[in-house]
N, C-alpha and C. Protein backbone atom coordinates (compact mmCIF):
# COMPACT_ATOMS: atom_id res chain seq x y z
N MET A 1 0.49 -4.97 -24.11
CA MET A 1 0.13 -3.65 -23.64
C MET A 1 1.03 -3.29 -22.46
N VAL A 2 1.53 -2.09 -22.47
CA VAL A 2 2.40 -1.60 -21.40
C VAL A 2 1.67 -0.46 -20.69
N ALA A 3 1.68 -0.53 -19.37
CA ALA A 3 1.01 0.51 -18.58
C ALA A 3 1.78 1.82 -18.66
N ARG A 4 1.04 2.91 -18.67
CA ARG A 4 1.67 4.22 -18.63
C ARG A 4 2.39 4.39 -17.30
N PRO A 5 3.44 5.22 -17.24
CA PRO A 5 4.19 5.37 -16.00
C PRO A 5 3.33 5.69 -14.78
N SER A 6 2.34 6.56 -14.91
CA SER A 6 1.51 6.90 -13.76
C SER A 6 0.75 5.68 -13.24
N ARG A 7 0.33 4.80 -14.14
CA ARG A 7 -0.38 3.59 -13.71
C ARG A 7 0.59 2.56 -13.14
N ARG A 8 1.81 2.51 -13.67
CA ARG A 8 2.80 1.58 -13.15
C ARG A 8 3.10 1.88 -11.68
N TYR A 9 3.18 3.15 -11.34
CA TYR A 9 3.48 3.50 -9.95
C TYR A 9 2.37 3.04 -9.03
N GLY A 10 1.13 3.21 -9.46
CA GLY A 10 0.01 2.75 -8.65
C GLY A 10 0.05 1.26 -8.45
N LEU A 11 0.30 0.53 -9.51
CA LEU A 11 0.40 -0.93 -9.42
C LEU A 11 1.61 -1.33 -8.57
N ALA A 12 2.70 -0.60 -8.73
CA ALA A 12 3.92 -0.91 -7.98
C ALA A 12 3.74 -0.72 -6.48
N THR A 13 2.81 0.12 -6.07
CA THR A 13 2.56 0.28 -4.63
C THR A 13 1.37 -0.52 -4.15
N THR A 14 0.49 -0.92 -5.05
CA THR A 14 -0.60 -1.81 -4.67
C THR A 14 -0.07 -3.18 -4.31
N THR A 15 0.93 -3.64 -5.03
CA THR A 15 1.52 -4.95 -4.78
C THR A 15 2.11 -5.06 -3.38
N PRO A 16 2.97 -4.13 -2.95
CA PRO A 16 3.50 -4.26 -1.58
C PRO A 16 2.42 -4.08 -0.51
N PHE A 17 1.45 -3.22 -0.79
CA PHE A 17 0.37 -3.02 0.18
C PHE A 17 -0.42 -4.31 0.35
N ALA A 18 -0.74 -4.97 -0.76
CA ALA A 18 -1.49 -6.23 -0.71
C ALA A 18 -0.69 -7.30 0.02
N ALA A 19 0.61 -7.36 -0.24
CA ALA A 19 1.46 -8.35 0.45
C ALA A 19 1.47 -8.08 1.95
N TRP A 20 1.60 -6.82 2.34
CA TRP A 20 1.58 -6.47 3.77
C TRP A 20 0.24 -6.83 4.37
N LEU A 21 -0.83 -6.52 3.68
CA LEU A 21 -2.18 -6.76 4.18
C LEU A 21 -2.43 -8.24 4.44
N THR A 22 -1.80 -9.11 3.66
CA THR A 22 -1.95 -10.55 3.86
C THR A 22 -0.91 -11.12 4.81
N GLY A 23 -0.08 -10.25 5.39
CA GLY A 23 0.90 -10.68 6.37
C GLY A 23 2.24 -11.10 5.82
N ASP A 24 2.49 -10.84 4.54
CA ASP A 24 3.76 -11.22 3.92
C ASP A 24 4.69 -10.00 3.85
N GLY A 25 5.29 -9.69 4.98
CA GLY A 25 6.16 -8.52 5.08
C GLY A 25 7.38 -8.60 4.19
N ALA A 26 7.94 -9.79 4.02
CA ALA A 26 9.13 -9.95 3.18
C ALA A 26 8.82 -9.59 1.72
N GLN A 27 7.72 -10.12 1.20
CA GLN A 27 7.32 -9.79 -0.17
C GLN A 27 6.97 -8.31 -0.29
N ALA A 28 6.34 -7.77 0.73
CA ALA A 28 5.97 -6.36 0.72
C ALA A 28 7.22 -5.49 0.62
N LEU A 29 8.24 -5.83 1.38
CA LEU A 29 9.47 -5.04 1.37
C LEU A 29 10.16 -5.13 0.01
N ILE A 30 10.23 -6.32 -0.55
CA ILE A 30 10.83 -6.47 -1.88
C ILE A 30 10.09 -5.62 -2.90
N ALA A 31 8.76 -5.70 -2.87
CA ALA A 31 7.95 -4.96 -3.84
C ALA A 31 8.04 -3.45 -3.65
N VAL A 32 8.08 -2.99 -2.41
CA VAL A 32 8.15 -1.54 -2.19
C VAL A 32 9.53 -1.01 -2.57
N GLU A 33 10.56 -1.82 -2.38
CA GLU A 33 11.90 -1.39 -2.81
C GLU A 33 11.95 -1.25 -4.33
N ARG A 34 11.28 -2.14 -5.04
CA ARG A 34 11.21 -2.03 -6.50
C ARG A 34 10.46 -0.76 -6.90
N ALA A 35 9.38 -0.47 -6.20
CA ALA A 35 8.61 0.75 -6.50
C ALA A 35 9.48 1.99 -6.28
N LEU A 36 10.25 1.98 -5.21
CA LEU A 36 11.10 3.13 -4.91
C LEU A 36 12.28 3.24 -5.87
N ASP A 37 12.71 2.11 -6.43
CA ASP A 37 13.74 2.16 -7.47
C ASP A 37 13.22 2.89 -8.70
N ALA A 38 11.94 2.68 -9.00
CA ALA A 38 11.32 3.33 -10.15
C ALA A 38 11.11 4.82 -9.90
N ASP A 39 10.72 5.17 -8.69
CA ASP A 39 10.49 6.58 -8.33
C ASP A 39 10.71 6.74 -6.83
N PRO A 40 11.89 7.20 -6.42
CA PRO A 40 12.23 7.31 -5.00
C PRO A 40 11.33 8.27 -4.21
N CYS A 41 10.58 9.10 -4.90
CA CYS A 41 9.74 10.09 -4.20
C CYS A 41 8.25 9.75 -4.24
N TYR A 42 7.87 8.59 -4.77
CA TYR A 42 6.45 8.27 -4.90
C TYR A 42 5.83 8.15 -3.50
N PRO A 43 4.86 9.00 -3.17
CA PRO A 43 4.34 9.08 -1.80
C PRO A 43 3.78 7.77 -1.23
N MET A 44 3.00 7.03 -2.00
CA MET A 44 2.41 5.80 -1.47
C MET A 44 3.48 4.78 -1.14
N ALA A 45 4.52 4.71 -1.97
CA ALA A 45 5.63 3.79 -1.69
C ALA A 45 6.31 4.18 -0.38
N ARG A 46 6.47 5.45 -0.16
CA ARG A 46 7.08 5.93 1.10
C ARG A 46 6.21 5.56 2.30
N ILE A 47 4.91 5.69 2.16
CA ILE A 47 3.99 5.34 3.25
C ILE A 47 4.07 3.85 3.57
N VAL A 48 4.04 3.02 2.53
CA VAL A 48 4.12 1.58 2.74
C VAL A 48 5.45 1.22 3.39
N LEU A 49 6.54 1.84 2.94
CA LEU A 49 7.85 1.57 3.55
C LEU A 49 7.85 1.97 5.02
N ASP A 50 7.28 3.11 5.34
CA ASP A 50 7.19 3.53 6.75
C ASP A 50 6.42 2.52 7.59
N VAL A 51 5.31 2.04 7.06
CA VAL A 51 4.50 1.05 7.77
C VAL A 51 5.32 -0.21 8.03
N LEU A 52 6.05 -0.66 7.01
CA LEU A 52 6.88 -1.85 7.15
C LEU A 52 8.01 -1.64 8.15
N GLU A 53 8.68 -0.51 8.05
CA GLU A 53 9.81 -0.24 8.94
C GLU A 53 9.38 -0.09 10.40
N GLN A 54 8.16 0.38 10.61
CA GLN A 54 7.65 0.55 11.97
C GLN A 54 7.02 -0.72 12.52
N GLY A 55 6.94 -1.74 11.69
CA GLY A 55 6.40 -3.02 12.14
C GLY A 55 4.92 -3.00 12.45
N VAL A 56 4.18 -2.16 11.72
CA VAL A 56 2.73 -2.07 11.94
C VAL A 56 2.07 -3.35 11.43
N SER A 57 1.26 -3.94 12.27
CA SER A 57 0.55 -5.16 11.90
C SER A 57 -0.63 -4.85 10.99
N PRO A 58 -0.91 -5.70 10.01
CA PRO A 58 -2.06 -5.46 9.15
C PRO A 58 -3.40 -5.51 9.87
N VAL A 59 -3.45 -6.04 11.08
CA VAL A 59 -4.73 -6.06 11.81
C VAL A 59 -5.21 -4.65 12.10
N HIS A 60 -4.31 -3.68 12.08
CA HIS A 60 -4.70 -2.29 12.33
C HIS A 60 -5.44 -1.67 11.15
N TRP A 61 -5.42 -2.31 10.01
CA TRP A 61 -6.07 -1.77 8.81
C TRP A 61 -7.58 -1.99 8.83
N THR A 62 -8.08 -3.00 9.50
CA THR A 62 -9.49 -3.38 9.43
C THR A 62 -10.46 -2.27 9.79
N GLY A 63 -10.14 -1.43 10.71
CA GLY A 63 -11.06 -0.38 11.14
C GLY A 63 -11.20 0.76 10.17
N PHE A 64 -10.28 0.91 9.23
CA PHE A 64 -10.32 2.04 8.32
C PHE A 64 -11.51 1.99 7.37
N GLY A 65 -11.99 0.81 7.01
CA GLY A 65 -13.07 0.69 6.03
C GLY A 65 -14.45 0.82 6.62
N GLU A 66 -14.57 0.80 7.92
CA GLU A 66 -15.90 0.89 8.52
C GLU A 66 -16.54 2.23 8.25
N GLY A 67 -17.73 2.20 7.74
CA GLY A 67 -18.46 3.43 7.50
C GLY A 67 -18.14 4.10 6.18
N VAL A 68 -17.21 3.56 5.41
CA VAL A 68 -16.87 4.17 4.14
C VAL A 68 -18.07 4.07 3.20
N GLY A 69 -18.41 5.17 2.58
CA GLY A 69 -19.51 5.18 1.62
C GLY A 69 -20.86 5.36 2.27
N ARG A 70 -20.89 5.50 3.56
CA ARG A 70 -22.16 5.70 4.25
C ARG A 70 -22.37 7.17 4.55
N GLY A 71 -23.56 7.60 4.39
CA GLY A 71 -23.90 8.96 4.79
C GLY A 71 -24.10 9.02 6.29
N SER A 72 -24.14 10.19 6.85
CA SER A 72 -24.28 10.33 8.29
C SER A 72 -25.62 9.78 8.80
N ASP A 73 -26.63 9.66 7.91
CA ASP A 73 -27.94 9.17 8.32
C ASP A 73 -28.05 7.64 8.25
N ASP A 74 -27.03 6.96 7.69
CA ASP A 74 -27.11 5.52 7.46
C ASP A 74 -26.62 4.68 8.63
N LYS A 75 -26.38 5.24 9.77
CA LYS A 75 -25.79 4.49 10.89
C LYS A 75 -26.77 3.59 11.56
């Protein structure tokens, strides 16, 4: 089974994001460059590349998930 192009792009950017999130910047950069080879304008790949180029640590990601899925009354 071969993924449709739209799904390939999502997978191609999930891989570098996951590598970055686990602290493997080298693998993340390799994977994001492959994603950009497939589609130089894919927005998520550009975002991941920016994060890598700016040297953002994955520890900054932890706060983004807090409160996700909670209503304002669930605090």
